[in-house]
Amino acid sequence: MITSIVLIKTSTDRIPEIAEQIAALDGVSEVYSVTGAHDLIAMVRVAQHDELADVIPGRISKVPGVESTETHIAFRTYSQHDLESAFAIGLDA
């Protein structure tokens, strides 16, 4: 699984509507409305690297109101949830 973090600048008067449209796209797992230089952050998860081109420039960038995107591809994932699961292996509830 390839995870990509997409920073998105949008038309500020339509952030909720744009976020909902992006969240409905295949390959997008979550969309966050955030403060700072960007309006939204989308988490994109795909099986193959080539699919990123279909999702990000092919779908996200074409949503009306999306002005620009900046993409970061994750090398590794570190998560508290992963650590809890690893320590729970073999334990009965």
C-alpha atoms as a PDB file:
ATOM      1  CA  MET A   1       0.000   0.000   0.000  1.00  0.00           C
ATOM      2  CA  ILE A   2       1.383   3.378  -1.016  1.00  0.00           C
ATOM      3  CA  THR A   3       0.336   6.332   1.126  1.00  0.00           C
ATOM      4  CA  SER A   4       0.478   9.881  -0.132  1.00  0.00           C
ATOM      5  CA  ILE A   5      -0.270  13.109   1.724  1.00  0.00           C
ATOM      6  CA  VAL A   6      -1.735  15.747  -0.591  1.00  0.00           C
ATOM      7  CA  LEU A   7      -1.751  19.384   0.525  1.00  0.00           C
ATOM      8  CA  ILE A   8      -4.518  21.247  -1.302  1.00  0.00           C
ATOM      9  CA  LYS A   9      -5.269  24.931  -1.841  1.00  0.00           C
ATOM     10  CA  THR A  10      -8.884  25.675  -2.757  1.00  0.00           C
ATOM     11  CA  SER A  11     -11.392  28.434  -3.272  1.00  0.00           C
ATOM     12  CA  THR A  12     -11.933  29.424   0.362  1.00  0.00           C
ATOM     13  CA  ASP A  13     -15.658  30.020  -0.049  1.00  0.00           C
ATOM     14  CA  ARG A  14     -16.232  26.343  -0.996  1.00  0.00           C
ATOM     15  CA  ILE A  15     -13.909  24.376   1.307  1.00  0.00           C
ATOM     16  CA  PRO A  16     -16.582  22.036   2.785  1.00  0.00           C
ATOM     17  CA  GLU A  17     -18.085  21.195  -0.614  1.00  0.00           C
ATOM     18  CA  ILE A  18     -14.668  20.617  -2.190  1.00  0.00           C
ATOM     19  CA  ALA A  19     -13.589  18.441   0.762  1.00  0.00           C
ATOM     20  CA  GLU A  20     -16.701  16.278   0.385  1.00  0.00           C
ATOM     21  CA  GLN A  21     -16.110  15.835  -3.351  1.00  0.00           C
ATOM     22  CA  ILE A  22     -12.487  14.851  -2.783  1.00  0.00           C
ATOM     23  CA  ALA A  23     -13.397  12.456   0.049  1.00  0.00           C
ATOM     24  CA  ALA A  24     -15.783  10.641  -2.307  1.00  0.00           C
ATOM     25  CA  LEU A  25     -13.028   9.885  -4.850  1.00  0.00           C
ATOM     26  CA  ASP A  26     -11.640   6.355  -5.191  1.00  0.00           C
ATOM     27  CA  GLY A  27      -8.202   6.175  -3.580  1.00  0.00           C
ATOM     28  CA  VAL A  28      -8.849   8.981  -1.089  1.00  0.00           C
ATOM     29  CA  SER A  29      -9.200   7.631   2.451  1.00  0.00           C
ATOM     30  CA  GLU A  30      -9.564  10.883   4.435  1.00  0.00           C
ATOM     31  CA  VAL A  31      -9.734  14.618   3.893  1.00  0.00           C
ATOM     32  CA  TYR A  32      -8.911  17.108   6.644  1.00  0.00           C
ATOM     33  CA  SER A  33      -9.816  20.788   6.725  1.00  0.00           C
ATOM     34  CA  VAL A  34      -6.785  22.501   8.273  1.00  0.00           C
ATOM     35  CA  THR A  35      -5.292  25.840   9.216  1.00  0.00           C
ATOM     36  CA  GLY A  36      -2.138  27.243   7.649  1.00  0.00           C
ATOM     37  CA  ALA A  37      -0.964  27.717   4.095  1.00  0.00           C
ATOM     38  CA  HIS A  38      -3.205  24.941   2.733  1.00  0.00           C
ATOM     39  CA  ASP A  39      -6.946  24.495   3.057  1.00  0.00           C
ATOM     40  CA  LEU A  40      -7.225  20.707   2.917  1.00  0.00           C
ATOM     41  CA  ILE A  41      -5.046  17.656   3.426  1.00  0.00           C
ATOM     42  CA  ALA A  42      -6.054  14.448   1.658  1.00  0.00           C
ATOM     43  CA  MET A  43      -4.698  11.013   2.461  1.00  0.00           C
ATOM     44  CA  VAL A  44      -4.406   8.920  -0.678  1.00  0.00           C
ATOM     45  CA  ARG A  45      -3.831   5.186  -0.412  1.00  0.00           C
ATOM     46  CA  VAL A  46      -3.279   3.063  -3.508  1.00  0.00           C
ATOM     47  CA  ALA A  47      -1.849  -0.359  -4.279  1.00  0.00           C
ATOM     48  CA  GLN A  48       0.474   0.677  -7.124  1.00  0.00           C
ATOM     49  CA  HIS A  49       2.649   3.757  -7.563  1.00  0.00           C
ATOM     50  CA  ASP A  50       1.160   4.414 -11.015  1.00  0.00           C
ATOM     51  CA  GLU A  51      -2.296   4.819  -9.475  1.00  0.00           C
ATOM     52  CA  LEU A  52      -1.173   8.056  -7.799  1.00  0.00           C
ATOM     53  CA  ALA A  53      -1.299   9.765 -11.199  1.00  0.00           C
ATOM     54  CA  ASP A  54      -4.886   8.612 -11.664  1.00  0.00           C
ATOM     55  CA  VAL A  55      -5.972   9.885  -8.245  1.00  0.00           C
ATOM     56  CA  ILE A  56      -4.043  13.127  -7.710  1.00  0.00           C
ATOM     57  CA  PRO A  57      -3.724  14.949 -11.045  1.00  0.00           C
ATOM     58  CA  GLY A  58      -6.393  12.780 -12.651  1.00  0.00           C
ATOM     59  CA  ARG A  59      -9.168  13.273 -10.073  1.00  0.00           C
ATOM     60  CA  ILE A  60      -8.286  15.568  -7.160  1.00  0.00           C
ATOM     61  CA  SER A  61      -6.851  18.363  -9.298  1.00  0.00           C
ATOM     62  CA  LYS A  62      -9.913  18.272 -11.543  1.00  0.00           C
ATOM     63  CA  VAL A  63     -12.408  18.930  -8.732  1.00  0.00           C
ATOM     64  CA  PRO A  64     -13.849  22.411  -9.353  1.00  0.00           C
ATOM     65  CA  GLY A  65     -12.350  24.855  -6.855  1.00  0.00           C
ATOM     66  CA  VAL A  66      -9.035  23.024  -6.381  1.00  0.00           C
ATOM     67  CA  GLU A  67      -6.368  25.618  -7.138  1.00  0.00           C
ATOM     68  CA  SER A  68      -3.169  23.649  -6.469  1.00  0.00           C
ATOM     69  CA  THR A  69      -1.808  20.498  -4.866  1.00  0.00           C
ATOM     70  CA  GLU A  70       1.487  19.501  -3.279  1.00  0.00           C
ATOM     71  CA  THR A  71       2.127  15.788  -2.880  1.00  0.00           C
ATOM     72  CA  HIS A  72       4.291  13.964  -0.323  1.00  0.00           C
ATOM     73  CA  ILE A  73       4.781  10.202  -0.596  1.00  0.00           C
ATOM     74  CA  ALA A  74       5.305   8.294   2.649  1.00  0.00           C
ATOM     75  CA  PHE A  75       8.340   5.994   2.897  1.00  0.00           C
ATOM     76  CA  ARG A  76       7.248   4.334   6.158  1.00  0.00           C
ATOM     77  CA  THR A  77       4.306   4.514   8.504  1.00  0.00           C
ATOM     78  CA  TYR A  78       4.733   4.871  12.254  1.00  0.00           C
ATOM     79  CA  SER A  79       1.500   4.609  14.192  1.00  0.00           C
ATOM     80  CA  GLN A  80       0.460   4.154  17.808  1.00  0.00           C
ATOM     81  CA  HIS A  81      -2.241   1.790  16.523  1.00  0.00           C
ATOM     82  CA  ASP A  82       0.402  -0.420  14.882  1.00  0.00           C
ATOM     83  CA  LEU A  83       2.420  -0.547  18.106  1.00  0.00           C
ATOM     84  CA  GLU A  84      -0.631  -1.495  20.182  1.00  0.00           C
ATOM     85  CA  SER A  85      -1.502  -4.295  17.745  1.00  0.00           C
ATOM     86  CA  ALA A  86       2.045  -5.663  17.800  1.00  0.00           C
ATOM     87  CA  PHE A  87       2.132  -5.813  21.585  1.00  0.00           C
ATOM     88  CA  ALA A  88      -1.304  -7.454  21.681  1.00  0.00           C
ATOM     89  CA  ILE A  89      -0.296 -10.409  19.482  1.00  0.00           C
ATOM     90  CA  GLY A  90      -0.918 -13.658  21.323  1.00  0.00           C
ATOM     91  CA  LEU A  91      -2.763 -12.044  24.220  1.00  0.00           C
ATOM     92  CA  ASP A  92      -6.271 -13.210  25.033  1.00  0.00           C
ATOM     93  CA  ALA A  93      -8.840 -10.630  26.032  1.00  0.00           C
END
